[in-house]
């Protein structure tokens, strides 16, 4: 099954870049899996995900209740799409998928969403906070194990 890992974030807002950083790490470890790092959202991602059988999304979340680096796994069904499609701006992923289905896009049948608890997603900076930086290898390992990803060729150095 053709798999896409989609890492969301803003690369200049400290911990907000965690989805991108994890996706890039996974790309280095699994060269046969397609990886896209983006700061786009909503309808803009429909073209990216169309035609894949499996989609793994990695993004940041700030609940204020978890510790930085804590990983939450969600399914698309856990998110409630809005019924009002009056604007294409700011659509959440569930609403974008619902609209994509209505428009006839060939969307992934398997969608996993990983949200990483962050400490600081508002300060300008190109690196994550030290707590989050240290947790990246562990988070990558958790996703690899949960998704049962396997290397089908020699990893990139």
Protein backbone atom coordinates (compact mmCIF):
# COMPACT_ATOMS: atom_id res chain seq x y z
CA UNK A 1 0.00 0.00 0.00
CA UNK A 2 1.37 3.40 -0.98
CA UNK A 3 2.07 5.45 2.17
CA UNK A 4 2.48 9.19 2.74
CA UNK A 5 3.80 10.78 5.90
CA UNK A 6 2.60 14.37 6.16
CA UNK A 7 4.40 16.57 8.69
CA UNK A 8 2.67 19.82 9.58
CA UNK A 9 4.18 22.88 11.18
CA UNK A 10 5.82 26.24 10.91
CA UNK A 11 9.60 25.87 10.69
CA UNK A 12 10.26 29.27 12.31
CA UNK A 13 8.02 28.87 15.38
CA UNK A 14 10.12 26.70 17.73
CA UNK A 15 8.06 23.63 18.74
CA UNK A 16 5.42 24.19 16.07
CA UNK A 17 7.93 22.66 13.64
CA UNK A 18 7.85 19.27 15.40
CA UNK A 19 5.64 17.64 12.75
CA UNK A 20 8.04 18.70 10.03
CA UNK A 21 11.11 17.60 12.02
CA UNK A 22 9.65 14.14 12.70
CA UNK A 23 8.53 13.70 9.09
CA UNK A 24 12.02 14.59 7.87
CA UNK A 25 13.57 12.07 10.28
CA UNK A 26 11.19 9.37 9.07
CA UNK A 27 12.04 10.24 5.46
CA UNK A 28 15.70 9.59 6.22
CA UNK A 29 14.91 6.26 7.86
CA UNK A 30 12.33 5.06 5.31
CA UNK A 31 13.29 6.20 1.81
CA UNK A 32 10.54 4.10 0.18
CA UNK A 33 7.78 6.01 1.98
CA UNK A 34 6.78 9.37 0.56
CA UNK A 35 7.15 12.29 2.97
CA UNK A 36 5.83 15.83 2.65
CA UNK A 37 6.60 18.60 5.13
CA UNK A 38 4.16 21.49 4.92
CA UNK A 39 2.74 24.52 6.63
CA UNK A 40 -0.35 24.30 4.43
CA UNK A 41 -3.70 23.13 5.77
CA UNK A 42 -7.30 22.55 4.75
CA UNK A 43 -8.07 22.13 1.08
CA UNK A 44 -4.43 22.66 0.10
CA UNK A 45 -3.51 19.18 1.31
CA UNK A 46 -6.10 17.30 -0.78
CA UNK A 47 -3.81 17.27 -3.81
CA UNK A 48 -0.92 16.03 -1.65
CA UNK A 49 -2.80 13.06 -0.16
CA UNK A 50 -4.85 12.02 -3.20
CA UNK A 51 -3.96 8.57 -4.51
CA UNK A 52 -2.36 7.24 -1.33
CA UNK A 53 -3.80 4.24 0.47
CA UNK A 54 -2.34 5.21 3.83
CA UNK A 55 -1.69 8.60 5.41
CA UNK A 56 0.27 9.30 8.58
CA UNK A 57 -0.06 12.88 9.84
CA UNK A 58 2.30 14.37 12.44
CA UNK A 59 1.53 17.75 13.98
CA UNK A 60 1.90 19.70 17.20
CA UNK A 61 -0.69 20.23 19.90
CA UNK A 62 -0.68 22.32 23.04
CA UNK A 63 -3.21 21.04 25.55
CA UNK A 64 -1.45 22.47 28.57
CA UNK A 65 -2.09 19.17 30.34
CA UNK A 66 0.61 16.91 28.91
CA UNK A 67 4.37 17.05 29.11
CA UNK A 68 6.38 18.27 26.10
CA UNK A 69 7.01 15.33 23.79
CA UNK A 70 3.95 13.35 24.87
CA UNK A 71 2.42 11.66 21.83
CA UNK A 72 -1.31 11.38 21.22
CA UNK A 73 -2.67 9.11 18.50
CA UNK A 74 -5.93 10.02 16.81
CA UNK A 75 -7.93 8.66 13.94
CA UNK A 76 -9.73 10.83 11.41
CA UNK A 77 -13.00 9.58 12.90
CA UNK A 78 -12.01 11.17 16.24
CA UNK A 79 -12.30 14.61 14.65
CA UNK A 80 -15.70 16.00 13.87
CA UNK A 81 -16.01 17.68 10.47
CA UNK A 82 -17.89 20.96 10.26
CA UNK A 83 -21.09 20.86 8.24
CA UNK A 84 -20.62 24.45 7.03
CA UNK A 85 -18.36 24.54 3.95
CA UNK A 86 -18.84 28.27 3.39
CA UNK A 87 -15.11 29.07 3.44
CA UNK A 88 -12.03 27.23 2.26
CA UNK A 89 -9.84 29.14 4.73
CA UNK A 90 -8.95 27.49 7.99
CA UNK A 91 -10.61 24.15 7.30
CA UNK A 92 -9.61 21.44 9.71
CA UNK A 93 -8.40 18.09 8.37
CA UNK A 94 -11.69 16.27 9.00
CA UNK A 95 -13.68 18.92 7.14
CA UNK A 96 -11.16 18.98 4.28
CA UNK A 97 -11.46 15.19 3.91
CA UNK A 98 -15.26 15.33 3.98
CA UNK A 99 -15.23 17.98 1.26
CA UNK A 100 -12.60 16.02 -0.70
CA UNK A 101 -14.88 12.97 -0.67
CA UNK A 102 -17.75 15.10 -2.01
CA UNK A 103 -15.47 16.43 -4.75
CA UNK A 104 -14.43 12.92 -5.79
CA UNK A 105 -10.82 12.87 -4.58
CA UNK A 106 -9.25 9.44 -4.14
CA UNK A 107 -8.38 9.82 -0.45
CA UNK A 108 -6.44 7.42 1.79
CA UNK A 109 -8.49 4.66 3.38
CA UNK A 110 -6.17 4.51 6.40
CA UNK A 111 -5.41 7.75 8.25
CA UNK A 112 -3.44 8.00 11.49
CA UNK A 113 -2.90 11.34 13.19
CA UNK A 114 -0.12 11.89 15.70
CA UNK A 115 -0.18 15.04 17.80
CA UNK A 116 2.92 15.91 19.83
CA UNK A 117 2.48 17.97 22.99
CA UNK A 118 4.62 21.10 22.72
CA UNK A 119 5.95 23.62 25.19
CA UNK A 120 6.38 26.73 23.02
CA UNK A 121 4.74 27.18 19.64
CA UNK A 122 4.73 30.99 19.54
CA UNK A 123 8.37 32.09 19.87
CA UNK A 124 10.31 32.68 16.68
CA UNK A 125 13.17 30.23 16.37
CA UNK A 126 14.37 27.52 14.01
CA UNK A 127 14.95 24.88 16.67
CA UNK A 128 12.63 23.11 19.04
CA UNK A 129 12.87 23.62 22.79
CA UNK A 130 15.46 21.31 24.41
CA UNK A 131 12.78 19.07 25.97
CA UNK A 132 11.15 18.47 22.62
CA UNK A 133 14.45 18.13 20.77
CA UNK A 134 15.47 15.30 23.12
CA UNK A 135 12.15 13.52 22.59
CA UNK A 136 12.32 13.35 18.77
CA UNK A 137 14.06 9.92 18.57
CA UNK A 138 11.57 8.45 21.05
CA UNK A 139 8.58 9.88 19.18
CA UNK A 140 9.92 8.56 15.87
CA UNK A 141 10.33 5.12 17.49
CA UNK A 142 6.79 5.20 18.84
CA UNK A 143 5.35 6.04 15.42
CA UNK A 144 7.44 3.37 13.69
CA UNK A 145 6.25 0.76 16.20
CA UNK A 146 2.60 1.85 16.17
CA UNK A 147 2.41 2.00 12.38
CA UNK A 148 4.51 -1.14 11.93
CA UNK A 149 6.74 0.64 9.46
CA UNK A 150 9.48 -1.49 8.04
CA UNK A 151 12.51 -0.61 5.99
CA UNK A 152 12.38 -2.08 2.52
CA UNK A 153 15.75 -0.73 1.48
CA UNK A 154 18.96 0.52 3.03
CA UNK A 155 18.35 3.67 5.10
CA UNK A 156 19.82 6.97 3.96
CA UNK A 157 22.78 8.20 6.01
